[in-house]
Each structure stands twice: as C-alpha cells, then as structure tokens.
PDB file of N, CA and C in Angstrom:
ATOM      1  N   MET A   1     111.375 104.423  87.952  1.00  0.00           N
ATOM      2  CA  MET A   1     112.081 104.530  89.207  1.00  0.00           C
ATOM      3  C   MET A   1     113.207 103.502  89.206  1.00  0.00           C
ATOM      4  N   GLU A   2     114.324 103.907  89.741  1.00  0.00           N
ATOM      5  CA  GLU A   2     115.479 103.040  89.813  1.00  0.00           C
ATOM      6  C   GLU A   2     116.088 103.129  91.199  1.00  0.00           C
ATOM      7  N   SER A   3     116.684 102.061  91.645  1.00  0.00           N
ATOM      8  CA  SER A   3     117.450 102.108  92.875  1.00  0.00           C
ATOM      9  C   SER A   3     118.813 101.504  92.586  1.00  0.00           C
ATOM     10  N   GLU A   4     119.824 102.039  93.237  1.00  0.00           N
ATOM     11  CA  GLU A   4     121.183 101.567  93.003  1.00  0.00           C
ATOM     12  C   GLU A   4     121.721 100.876  94.238  1.00  0.00           C
ATOM     13  N   GLU A   5     122.376  99.760  94.013  1.00  0.00           N
ATOM     14  CA  GLU A   5     123.038  99.054  95.088  1.00  0.00           C
ATOM     15  C   GLU A   5     124.312  98.455  94.529  1.00  0.00           C
ATOM     16  N   LYS A   6     125.441  98.884  95.062  1.00  0.00           N
ATOM     17  CA  LYS A   6     126.750  98.386  94.636  1.00  0.00           C
ATOM     18  C   LYS A   6     126.940  98.493  93.134  1.00  0.00           C
ATOM     19  N   GLY A   7     126.558  99.649  92.562  1.00  0.00           N
ATOM     20  CA  GLY A   7     126.799  99.890  91.149  1.00  0.00           C
ATOM     21  C   GLY A   7     125.766  99.289  90.210  1.00  0.00           C
ATOM     22  N   MET A   8     124.838  98.498  90.730  1.00  0.00           N
ATOM     23  CA  MET A   8     123.805  97.913  89.882  1.00  0.00           C
ATOM     24  C   MET A   8     122.555  98.786  89.936  1.00  0.00           C
ATOM     25  N   VAL A   9     121.867  98.875  88.818  1.00  0.00           N
ATOM     26  CA  VAL A   9     120.630  99.635  88.764  1.00  0.00           C
ATOM     27  C   VAL A   9     119.472  98.641  88.692  1.00  0.00           C
ATOM     28  N   PHE A  10     118.553  98.784  89.605  1.00  0.00           N
ATOM     29  CA  PHE A  10     117.361  97.931  89.636  1.00  0.00           C
ATOM     30  C   PHE A  10     116.170  98.769  89.207  1.00  0.00           C
ATOM     31  N   ARG A  11     115.676  98.478  88.039  1.00  0.00           N
ATOM     32  CA  ARG A  11     114.540  99.232  87.522  1.00  0.00           C
ATOM     33  C   ARG A  11     113.241  98.641  88.028  1.00  0.00           C
ATOM     34  N   THR A  12     112.314  99.514  88.388  1.00  0.00           N
ATOM     35  CA  THR A  12     111.000  99.067  88.839  1.00  0.00           C
ATOM     36  C   THR A  12     109.882  99.560  87.931  1.00  0.00           C
ATOM     37  N   GLU A  13     110.199 100.461  87.010  1.00  0.00           N
ATOM     38  CA  GLU A  13     109.203 101.002  86.080  1.00  0.00           C
ATOM     39  C   GLU A  13     109.728 100.901  84.661  1.00  0.00           C
ATOM     40  N   PHE A  14     108.821 100.563  83.746  1.00  0.00           N
ATOM     41  CA  PHE A  14     109.196 100.339  82.355  1.00  0.00           C
ATOM     42  C   PHE A  14     108.186 101.033  81.444  1.00  0.00           C
ATOM     43  N   GLU A  15     108.698 101.753  80.453  1.00  0.00           N
ATOM     44  CA  GLU A  15     107.832 102.428  79.485  1.00  0.00           C
ATOM     45  C   GLU A  15     107.415 101.450  78.401  1.00  0.00           C
ATOM     46  N   PHE A  16     106.213 101.663  77.872  1.00  0.00           N
ATOM     47  CA  PHE A  16     105.722 100.853  76.762  1.00  0.00           C
ATOM     48  C   PHE A  16     104.978 101.752  75.779  1.00  0.00           C
ATOM     49  N   ASN A  17     104.753 101.213  74.605  1.00  0.00           N
ATOM     50  CA  ASN A  17     104.018 101.912  73.553  1.00  0.00           C
ATOM     51  C   ASN A  17     103.048 100.910  72.935  1.00  0.00           C
ATOM     52  N   LEU A  18     101.753 101.098  73.160  1.00  0.00           N
ATOM     53  CA  LEU A  18     100.760 100.155  72.660  1.00  0.00           C
ATOM     54  C   LEU A  18     100.737 100.132  71.133  1.00  0.00           C
ATOM     55  N   PRO A  19     100.480  98.973  70.544  1.00  0.00           N
ATOM     56  CA  PRO A  19     100.410  98.876  69.087  1.00  0.00           C
ATOM     57  C   PRO A  19      99.276  99.723  68.491  1.00  0.00           C
ATOM     58  N   GLN A  20      98.118  99.744  69.148  1.00  0.00           N
ATOM     59  CA  GLN A  20      96.976 100.483  68.611  1.00  0.00           C
ATOM     60  C   GLN A  20      96.596 101.673  69.479  1.00  0.00           C
ATOM     61  N   GLY A  21      96.543 101.490  70.765  1.00  0.00           N
ATOM     62  CA  GLY A  21      96.223 102.571  71.682  1.00  0.00           C
ATOM     63  C   GLY A  21      94.781 102.536  72.162  1.00  0.00           C
ATOM     64  N   TYR A  22      94.581 103.123  73.313  1.00  0.00           N
ATOM     65  CA  TYR A  22      93.264 103.208  73.947  1.00  0.00           C
ATOM     66  C   TYR A  22      92.605 104.519  73.538  1.00  0.00           C
ATOM     67  N   ALA A  23      91.412 104.437  72.982  1.00  0.00           N
ATOM     68  CA  ALA A  23      90.658 105.634  72.606  1.00  0.00           C
ATOM     69  C   ALA A  23      89.694 105.976  73.735  1.00  0.00           C
ATOM     70  N   ASP A  24      89.842 107.168  74.309  1.00  0.00           N
ATOM     71  CA  ASP A  24      88.960 107.575  75.396  1.00  0.00           C
ATOM     72  C   ASP A  24      87.630 108.089  74.851  1.00  0.00           C
ATOM     73  N   LYS A  25      86.737 108.500  75.738  1.00  0.00           N
ATOM     74  CA  LYS A  25      85.383 108.924  75.334  1.00  0.00           C
ATOM     75  C   LYS A  25      85.387 110.151  74.438  1.00  0.00           C
ATOM     76  N   ASP A  26      86.473 110.934  74.475  1.00  0.00           N
ATOM     77  CA  ASP A  26      86.572 112.116  73.623  1.00  0.00           C
ATOM     78  C   ASP A  26      87.264 111.810  72.298  1.00  0.00           C
ATOM     79  N   GLY A  27      87.679 110.565  72.112  1.00  0.00           N
ATOM     80  CA  GLY A  27      88.331 110.163  70.870  1.00  0.00           C
ATOM     81  C   GLY A  27      89.843 110.295  70.881  1.00  0.00           C
ATOM     82  N   ALA A  28      90.412 110.775  71.968  1.00  0.00           N
ATOM     83  CA  ALA A  28      91.877 110.872  72.063  1.00  0.00           C
ATOM     84  C   ALA A  28      92.457 109.468  72.212  1.00  0.00           C
ATOM     85  N   VAL A  29      93.553 109.207  71.538  1.00  0.00           N
ATOM     86  CA  VAL A  29      94.194 107.893  71.583  1.00  0.00           C
ATOM     87  C   VAL A  29      95.424 107.975  72.485  1.00  0.00           C
ATOM     88  N   HIS A  30      95.505 107.049  73.419  1.00  0.00           N
ATOM     89  CA  HIS A  30      96.588 106.985  74.397  1.00  0.00           C
ATOM     90  C   HIS A  30      97.405 105.722  74.139  1.00  0.00           C
ATOM     91  N   LYS A  31      98.683 105.895  73.796  1.00  0.00           N
ATOM     92  CA  LYS A  31      99.531 104.754  73.447  1.00  0.00           C
ATOM     93  C   LYS A  31     100.715 104.558  74.388  1.00  0.00           C
ATOM     94  N   ARG A  32     101.318 105.644  74.818  1.00  0.00           N
ATOM     95  CA  ARG A  32     102.527 105.555  75.647  1.00  0.00           C
ATOM     96  C   ARG A  32     102.146 105.396  77.108  1.00  0.00           C
ATOM     97  N   GLY A  33     102.847 104.494  77.782  1.00  0.00           N
ATOM     98  CA  GLY A  33     102.533 104.270  79.181  1.00  0.00           C
ATOM     99  C   GLY A  33     103.725 103.809  79.975  1.00  0.00           C
ATOM    100  N   VAL A  34     103.469 103.585  81.262  1.00  0.00           N
ATOM    101  CA  VAL A  34     104.490 103.096  82.188  1.00  0.00           C
ATOM    102  C   VAL A  34     103.869 101.986  83.028  1.00  0.00           C
ATOM    103  N   MET A  35     104.599 100.881  83.124  1.00  0.00           N
ATOM    104  CA  MET A  35     104.183  99.750  83.962  1.00  0.00           C
ATOM    105  C   MET A  35     105.264  99.533  85.008  1.00  0.00           C
ATOM    106  N   ARG A  36     104.838  99.257  86.230  1.00  0.00           N
ATOM    107  CA  ARG A  36     105.792  98.956  87.292  1.00  0.00           C
ATOM    108  C   ARG A  36     105.843  97.455  87.512  1.00  0.00           C
ATOM    109  N   LEU A  37     106.911  97.026  88.166  1.00  0.00           N
ATOM    110  CA  LEU A  37     107.004  95.623  88.550  1.00  0.00           C
ATOM    111  C   LEU A  37     105.864  95.289  89.508  1.00  0.00           C
ATOM    112  N   ALA A  38     105.384  94.085  89.439  1.00  0.00           N
ATOM    113  CA  ALA A  38     104.295  93.640  90.311  1.00  0.00           C
ATOM    114  C   ALA A  38     104.833  93.261  91.686  1.00  0.00           C
ATOM    115  N   THR A  39     103.962  93.411  92.674  1.00  0.00           N
ATOM    116  CA  THR A  39     104.254  92.940  94.019  1.00  0.00           C
ATOM    117  C   THR A  39     103.471  91.644  94.246  1.00  0.00           C
ATOM    118  N   ALA A  40     103.775  90.982  95.334  1.00  0.00           N
ATOM    119  CA  ALA A  40     103.013  89.776  95.678  1.00  0.00           C
ATOM    120  C   ALA A  40     101.539  90.125  95.835  1.00  0.00           C
ATOM    121  N   ALA A  41     101.263  91.278  96.449  1.00  0.00           N
ATOM    122  CA  ALA A  41      99.867  91.699  96.653  1.00  0.00           C
ATOM    123  C   ALA A  41      99.133  91.891  95.324  1.00  0.00           C
ATOM    124  N   ASP A  42      99.856  92.371  94.313  1.00  0.00           N
ATOM    125  CA  ASP A  42      99.221  92.566  93.005  1.00  0.00           C
ATOM    126  C   ASP A  42      98.711  91.261  92.422  1.00  0.00           C
ATOM    127  N   GLU A  43      99.371  90.175  92.744  1.00  0.00           N
ATOM    128  CA  GLU A  43      98.955  88.883  92.206  1.00  0.00           C
ATOM    129  C   GLU A  43      98.042  88.104  93.144  1.00  0.00           C
ATOM    130  N   ILE A  44      98.120  88.380  94.436  1.00  0.00           N
ATOM    131  CA  ILE A  44      97.330  87.620  95.404  1.00  0.00           C
ATOM    132  C   ILE A  44      95.969  88.258  95.693  1.00  0.00           C
ATOM    133  N   LEU A  45      95.948  89.552  95.953  1.00  0.00           N
ATOM    134  CA  LEU A  45      94.693  90.208  96.343  1.00  0.00           C
ATOM    135  C   LEU A  45      93.569  90.084  95.305  1.00  0.00           C
ATOM    136  N   PRO A  46      93.860  90.157  94.003  1.00  0.00           N
ATOM    137  CA  PRO A  46      92.765  90.013  93.038  1.00  0.00           C
ATOM    138  C   PRO A  46      92.075  88.650  93.074  1.00  0.00           C
ATOM    139  N   MET A  47      92.738  87.650  93.663  1.00  0.00           N
ATOM    140  CA  MET A  47      92.123  86.320  93.747  1.00  0.00           C
ATOM    141  C   MET A  47      90.850  86.336  94.592  1.00  0.00           C
ATOM    142  N   ARG A  48      90.720  87.348  95.449  1.00  0.00           N
ATOM    143  CA  ARG A  48      89.520  87.479  96.288  1.00  0.00           C
ATOM    144  C   ARG A  48      88.351  88.119  95.540  1.00  0.00           C
ATOM    145  N   ASP A  49      88.648  88.744  94.417  1.00  0.00           N
ATOM    146  CA  ASP A  49      87.632  89.469  93.651  1.00  0.00           C
ATOM    147  C   ASP A  49      86.627  88.490  93.047  1.00  0.00           C
ATOM    148  N   ILE A  50      85.368  88.789  93.177  1.00  0.00           N
ATOM    149  CA  ILE A  50      84.302  87.913  92.671  1.00  0.00           C
ATOM    150  C   ILE A  50      84.402  87.717  91.165  1.00  0.00           C
ATOM    151  N   ARG A  51      84.880  88.741  90.443  1.00  0.00           N
ATOM    152  CA  ARG A  51      85.011  88.631  88.985  1.00  0.00           C
ATOM    153  C   ARG A  51      86.049  87.572  88.614  1.00  0.00           C
ATOM    154  N   VAL A  52      87.095  87.448  89.408  1.00  0.00           N
ATOM    155  CA  VAL A  52      88.124  86.435  89.164  1.00  0.00           C
ATOM    156  C   VAL A  52      87.602  85.060  89.563  1.00  0.00           C
ATOM    157  N   GLN A  53      86.857  84.993  90.654  1.00  0.00           N
ATOM    158  CA  GLN A  53      86.294  83.715  91.090  1.00  0.00           C
ATOM    159  C   GLN A  53      85.310  83.177  90.059  1.00  0.00           C
ATOM    160  N   GLN A  54      84.577  84.077  89.399  1.00  0.00           N
ATOM    161  CA  GLN A  54      83.625  83.652  88.374  1.00  0.00           C
ATOM    162  C   GLN A  54      84.301  83.375  87.033  1.00  0.00           C
ATOM    163  N   ASN A  55      85.405  84.071  86.765  1.00  0.00           N
ATOM    164  CA  ASN A  55      86.114  83.910  85.509  1.00  0.00           C
ATOM    165  C   ASN A  55      87.603  84.140  85.754  1.00  0.00           C
ATOM    166  N   PRO A  56      88.382  83.065  85.923  1.00  0.00           N
ATOM    167  CA  PRO A  56      89.808  83.202  86.228  1.00  0.00           C
ATOM    168  C   PRO A  56      90.589  84.038  85.207  1.00  0.00           C
ATOM    169  N   ASP A  57      90.118  84.122  83.969  1.00  0.00           N
ATOM    170  CA  ASP A  57      90.801  84.931  82.957  1.00  0.00           C
ATOM    171  C   ASP A  57      90.767  86.422  83.303  1.00  0.00           C
ATOM    172  N   TYR A  58      89.864  86.820  84.179  1.00  0.00           N
ATOM    173  CA  TYR A  58      89.752  88.231  84.559  1.00  0.00           C
ATOM    174  C   TYR A  58      90.921  88.678  85.442  1.00  0.00           C
ATOM    175  N   LEU A  59      91.665  87.729  85.965  1.00  0.00           N
ATOM    176  CA  LEU A  59      92.806  88.042  86.827  1.00  0.00           C
ATOM    177  C   LEU A  59      93.773  89.000  86.137  1.00  0.00           C
ATOM    178  N   SER A  60      94.077  88.756  84.870  1.00  0.00           N
ATOM    179  CA  SER A  60      95.041  89.616  84.176  1.00  0.00           C
ATOM    180  C   SER A  60      94.512  91.034  84.019  1.00  0.00           C
ATOM    181  N   ILE A  61      93.207  91.203  83.882  1.00  0.00           N
ATOM    182  CA  ILE A  61      92.617  92.544  83.764  1.00  0.00           C
ATOM    183  C   ILE A  61      92.870  93.333  85.055  1.00  0.00           C
ATOM    184  N   ILE A  62      92.615  92.699  86.185  1.00  0.00           N
ATOM    185  CA  ILE A  62      92.807  93.372  87.466  1.00  0.00           C
ATOM    186  C   ILE A  62      94.282  93.650  87.721  1.00  0.00           C
ATOM    187  N   ILE A  63      95.127  92.671  87.451  1.00  0.00           N
ATOM    188  CA  ILE A  63      96.553  92.882  87.682  1.00  0.00           C
ATOM    189  C   ILE A  63      97.072  94.035  86.834  1.00  0.00           C
ATOM    190  N   LEU A  64      96.716  94.055  85.552  1.00  0.00           N
ATOM    191  CA  LEU A  64      97.183  95.145  84.688  1.00  0.00           C
ATOM    192  C   LEU A  64      96.689  96.499  85.183  1.00  0.00           C
ATOM    193  N   SER A  65      95.465  96.555  85.676  1.00  0.00           N
ATOM    194  CA  SER A  65      94.944  97.835  86.174  1.00  0.00           C
ATOM    195  C   SER A  65      95.699  98.295  87.422  1.00  0.00           C
ATOM    196  N   ARG A  66      96.327  97.368  88.126  1.00  0.00           N
ATOM    197  CA  ARG A  66      97.100  97.717  89.326  1.00  0.00           C
ATOM    198  C   ARG A  66      98.524  98.152  88.994  1.00  0.00           C
ATOM    199  N   VAL A  67      99.123  97.568  87.953  1.00  0.00           N
ATOM    200  CA  VAL A  67     100.544  97.819  87.687  1.00  0.00           C
ATOM    201  C   VAL A  67     100.815  98.874  86.619  1.00  0.00           C
ATOM    202  N   ILE A  68      99.802  99.239  85.850  1.00  0.00           N
ATOM    203  CA  ILE A  68     100.005 100.300  84.859  1.00  0.00           C
ATOM    204  C   ILE A  68      99.844 101.631  85.567  1.00  0.00           C
ATOM    205  N   LEU A  69     100.923 102.392  85.608  1.00  0.00           N
ATOM    206  CA  LEU A  69     100.942 103.666  86.315  1.00  0.00           C
ATOM    207  C   LEU A  69     100.459 104.812  85.447  1.00  0.00           C
ATOM    208  N   LYS A  70     100.769 104.753  84.175  1.00  0.00           N
ATOM    209  CA  LYS A  70     100.410 105.830  83.252  1.00  0.00           C
ATOM    210  C   LYS A  70     100.008 105.239  81.918  1.00  0.00           C
ATOM    211  N   LEU A  71      99.055 105.885  81.273  1.00  0.00           N
ATOM    212  CA  LEU A  71      98.695 105.563  79.899  1.00  0.00           C
ATOM    213  C   LEU A  71      98.260 106.865  79.253  1.00  0.00           C
ATOM    214  N   GLY A  72      99.155 107.425  78.445  1.00  0.00           N
ATOM    215  CA  GLY A  72      98.872 108.711  77.819  1.00  0.00           C
ATOM    216  C   GLY A  72      98.515 109.743  78.874  1.00  0.00           C
ATOM    217  N   GLY A  73      97.454 110.489  78.601  1.00  0.00           N
ATOM    218  CA  GLY A  73      97.026 111.531  79.528  1.00  0.00           C
ATOM    219  C   GLY A  73      95.908 111.107  80.455  1.00  0.00           C
ATOM    220  N   LEU A  74      95.631 109.820  80.530  1.00  0.00           N
ATOM    221  CA  LEU A  74      94.547 109.352  81.405  1.00  0.00           C
ATOM    222  C   LEU A  74      94.892 109.615  82.860  1.00  0.00           C
ATOM    223  N   ARG A  75      93.890 110.036  83.610  1.00  0.00           N
ATOM    224  CA  ARG A  75      94.088 110.284  85.038  1.00  0.00           C
ATOM    225  C   ARG A  75      94.094 108.991  85.835  1.00  0.00           C
ATOM    226  N   THR A  76      93.276 108.039  85.410  1.00  0.00           N
ATOM    227  CA  THR A  76      93.118 106.776  86.132  1.00  0.00           C
ATOM    228  C   THR A  76      93.167 105.616  85.155  1.00  0.00           C
ATOM    229  N   ILE A  77      93.888 104.584  85.526  1.00  0.00           N
ATOM    230  CA  ILE A  77      93.868 103.342  84.755  1.00  0.00           C
ATOM    231  C   ILE A  77      93.180 102.311  85.638  1.00  0.00           C
ATOM    232  N   ASP A  78      91.948 101.980  85.274  1.00  0.00           N
ATOM    233  CA  ASP A  78      91.179 101.018  86.062  1.00  0.00           C
ATOM    234  C   ASP A  78      90.767  99.849  85.164  1.00  0.00           C
ATOM    235  N   THR A  79      89.967  98.953  85.711  1.00  0.00           N
ATOM    236  CA  THR A  79      89.565  97.778  84.933  1.00  0.00           C
ATOM    237  C   THR A  79      88.749  98.159  83.706  1.00  0.00           C
ATOM    238  N   ASP A  80      87.992  99.254  83.769  1.00  0.00           N
ATOM    239  CA  ASP A  80      87.225  99.692  82.590  1.00  0.00           C
ATOM    240  C   ASP A  80      88.148 100.017  81.426  1.00  0.00           C
ATOM    241  N   VAL A  81      89.255 100.687  81.713  1.00  0.00           N
ATOM    242  CA  VAL A  81      90.223 101.013  80.665  1.00  0.00           C
ATOM    243  C   VAL A  81      90.795  99.728  80.079  1.00  0.00           C
ATOM    244  N   ILE A  82      91.245  98.824  80.925  1.00  0.00           N
ATOM    245  CA  ILE A  82      91.864  97.582  80.449  1.00  0.00           C
ATOM    246  C   ILE A  82      90.844  96.750  79.661  1.00  0.00           C
ATOM    247  N   GLU A  83      89.610  96.685  80.131  1.00  0.00           N
ATOM    248  CA  GLU A  83      88.564  95.930  79.433  1.00  0.00           C
ATOM    249  C   GLU A  83      88.299  96.471  78.033  1.00  0.00           C
ATOM    250  N   ASN A  84      88.526  97.749  77.825  1.00  0.00           N
ATOM    251  CA  ASN A  84      88.214  98.368  76.541  1.00  0.00           C
ATOM    252  C   ASN A  84      89.415  98.519  75.612  1.00  0.00           C
ATOM    253  N   LEU A  85      90.514  97.889  75.955  1.00  0.00           N
ATOM    254  CA  LEU A  85      91.647  97.836  75.044  1.00  0.00           C
ATOM    255  C   LEU A  85      91.343  96.875  73.901  1.00  0.00           C
ATOM    256  N   SER A  86      91.982  97.086  72.777  1.00  0.00           N
ATOM    257  CA  SER A  86      91.849  96.134  71.675  1.00  0.00           C
ATOM    258  C   SER A  86      92.545  94.828  72.069  1.00  0.00           C
ATOM    259  N   ALA A  87      92.177  93.753  71.407  1.00  0.00           N
ATOM    260  CA  ALA A  87      92.800  92.459  71.690  1.00  0.00           C
ATOM    261  C   ALA A  87      94.313  92.507  71.479  1.00  0.00           C
ATOM    262  N   PRO A  88      94.822  93.140  70.399  1.00  0.00           N
ATOM    263  CA  PRO A  88      96.282  93.214  70.246  1.00  0.00           C
ATOM    264  C   PRO A  88      96.961  93.998  71.371  1.00  0.00           C
ATOM    265  N   ASP A  89      96.339  95.077  71.842  1.00  0.00           N
ATOM    266  CA  ASP A  89      96.926  95.851  72.935  1.00  0.00           C
ATOM    267  C   ASP A  89      96.924  95.059  74.234  1.00  0.00           C
ATOM    268  N   LEU A  90      95.842  94.341  74.514  1.00  0.00           N
ATOM    269  CA  LEU A  90      95.784  93.517  75.717  1.00  0.00           C
ATOM    270  C   LEU A  90      96.853  92.430  75.666  1.00  0.00           C
ATOM    271  N   ALA A  91      96.981  91.766  74.532  1.00  0.00           N
ATOM    272  CA  ALA A  91      97.999  90.717  74.382  1.00  0.00           C
ATOM    273  C   ALA A  91      99.401  91.308  74.564  1.00  0.00           C
ATOM    274  N   TYR A  92      99.627  92.493  74.009  1.00  0.00           N
ATOM    275  CA  TYR A  92     100.923  93.163  74.152  1.00  0.00           C
ATOM    276  C   TYR A  92     101.231  93.418  75.631  1.00  0.00           C
ATOM    277  N   LEU A  93     100.243  93.951  76.369  1.00  0.00           N
ATOM    278  CA  LEU A  93     100.461  94.265  77.785  1.00  0.00           C
ATOM    279  C   LEU A  93     100.672  93.009  78.620  1.00  0.00           C
ATOM    280  N   GLN A  94      99.949  91.948  78.308  1.00  0.00           N
ATOM    281  CA  GLN A  94     100.133  90.693  79.038  1.00  0.00           C
ATOM    282  C   GLN A  94     101.548  90.146  78.818  1.00  0.00           C
ATOM    283  N   GLU A  95     102.031  90.216  77.590  1.00  0.00           N
ATOM    284  CA  GLU A  95     103.382  89.743  77.293  1.00  0.00           C
ATOM    285  C   GLU A  95     104.425  90.656  77.933  1.00  0.00           C
ATOM    286  N   PHE A  96     104.198  91.961  77.879  1.00  0.00           N
ATOM    287  CA  PHE A  96     105.100  92.932  78.484  1.00  0.00           C
ATOM    288  C   PHE A  96     105.206  92.665  79.985  1.00  0.00           C
ATOM    289  N   TYR A  97     104.059  92.451  80.635  1.00  0.00           N
ATOM    290  CA  TYR A  97     104.014  92.136  82.067  1.00  0.00           C
ATOM    291  C   TYR A  97     104.846  90.892  82.365  1.00  0.00           C
ATOM    292  N   GLU A  98     104.636  89.845  81.588  1.00  0.00           N
ATOM    293  CA  GLU A  98     105.372  88.592  81.806  1.00  0.00           C
ATOM    294  C   GLU A  98     106.872  88.808  81.625  1.00  0.00           C
ATOM    295  N   ASN A  99     107.247  89.593  80.625  1.00  0.00           N
ATOM    296  CA  ASN A  99     108.669  89.837  80.372  1.00  0.00           C
ATOM    297  C   ASN A  99     109.327  90.593  81.512  1.00  0.00           C
ATOM    298  N   ILE A 100     108.733  91.680  81.952  1.00  0.00           N
ATOM    299  CA  ILE A 100     109.410  92.479  82.985  1.00  0.00           C
ATOM    300  C   ILE A 100     109.361  91.810  84.343  1.00  0.00           C
ATOM    301  N   ASN A 101     108.323  91.046  84.622  1.00  0.00           N
ATOM    302  CA  ASN A 101     108.226  90.390  85.923  1.00  0.00           C
ATOM    303  C   ASN A 101     108.944  89.050  85.954  1.00  0.00           C
ATOM    304  N   GLY A 102     109.172  88.483  84.795  1.00  0.00           N
ATOM    305  CA  GLY A 102     109.913  87.224  84.735  1.00  0.00           C
ATOM    306  C   GLY A 102     111.402  87.442  84.804  1.00  0.00           C
ATOM    307  N   SER A 103     111.870  88.471  84.097  1.00  0.00           N
ATOM    308  CA  SER A 103     113.313  88.684  84.005  1.00  0.00           C
ATOM    309  C   SER A 103     113.762  90.032  84.540  1.00  0.00           C
ATOM    310  N   GLY A 104     112.823  90.948  84.720  1.00  0.00           N
ATOM    311  CA  GLY A 104     113.195  92.299  85.105  1.00  0.00           C
ATOM    312  C   GLY A 104     113.821  93.060  83.950  1.00  0.00           C
ATOM    313  N   GLN A 105     113.776  92.489  82.756  1.00  0.00           N
ATOM    314  CA  GLN A 105     114.374  93.088  81.567  1.00  0.00           C
ATOM    315  C   GLN A 105     113.298  93.811  80.771  1.00  0.00           C
ATOM    316  N   ASP A 106     113.601  95.027  80.379  1.00  0.00           N
ATOM    317  CA  ASP A 106     112.715  95.798  79.516  1.00  0.00           C
ATOM    318  C   ASP A 106     112.699  95.123  78.148  1.00  0.00           C
ATOM    319  N   PRO A 107     111.545  94.627  77.685  1.00  0.00           N
ATOM    320  CA  PRO A 107     111.497  93.923  76.406  1.00  0.00           C
ATOM    321  C   PRO A 107     111.780  94.826  75.204  1.00  0.00           C
ATOM    322  N   THR A 108     111.799  96.131  75.403  1.00  0.00           N
ATOM    323  CA  THR A 108     112.071  97.037  74.300  1.00  0.00           C
ATOM    324  C   THR A 108     113.562  97.339  74.166  1.00  0.00           C
ATOM    325  N   GLU A 109     114.370  96.894  75.144  1.00  0.00           N
ATOM    326  CA  GLU A 109     115.810  97.126  75.096  1.00  0.00           C
ATOM    327  C   GLU A 109     116.518  95.839  74.747  1.00  0.00           C
ATOM    328  N   PRO A 110     117.632  95.944  73.985  1.00  0.00           N
ATOM    329  CA  PRO A 110     118.392  94.729  73.670  1.00  0.00           C
ATOM    330  C   PRO A 110     119.048  94.167  74.929  1.00  0.00           C
ATOM    331  N   GLU A 111     119.141  92.852  74.994  1.00  0.00           N
ATOM    332  CA  GLU A 111     119.785  92.223  76.151  1.00  0.00           C
ATOM    333  C   GLU A 111     121.279  92.457  76.084  1.00  0.00           C
ATOM    334  N   GLU A 112     121.902  92.541  77.250  1.00  0.00           N
ATOM    335  CA  GLU A 112     123.349  92.777  77.322  1.00  0.00           C
ATOM    336  C   GLU A 112     124.105  91.495  77.130  1.00  0.00           C
TER     337      GLU A 112
END
C-alpha cells in the first residue's frame, strides 16, 4: 500500500523472500511474504502478554505475527507460524522489520 502526498510516495507494505521458508503441515514451503510498517500498538500491546512478561525475547515473535500480512499461501500468520520458522528465517525477518521501521526503506531496493 502506498499513499502520495506532494509527489512523495510513502510505502507502508514491503515484500520479502525468506532464505529457507516456512514448511506447513502438508509440506508446502512458503517463502514470499508482505510485511507492513508497525504501529505504536504493535509494539506496546504485546508488552501486556504473559509470554512477553515471562520471556522478553518473545516480544519479537508477537510483533512479527502482527505485522506480517502474507506468507505464501497461508491463511493466517500467527505466533505458531513465527515460532516454527528456522533460525535464519527468524533472524532475516527481525532484521527486515528493523530496516523498514527504522528508515522506511525497503532493504531489498538500492538506496537513492
């Protein structure tokens, strides 16, 4: 999704391609996805979750499950999906999240 204001394009959704991909229960591998920019609520509301209170590292799992809009043909991206990603895919998504939310720049596109 994009919005235009005075000739500038503000992107809110970014496509990604996982290094390994998520294998669902039927064995299908899902690699291509879309992540949206995070809102304040995406970062604040998970702090109330008992899983985050017990283990602060779980915060990124919840946030990713909120901001990933699509992953292959999956109908739902929830914490179970994120928990079952490979370590390289999780690290990729965490870095991708930081890049797009820090700069608003798609890390897969060259900087202007």
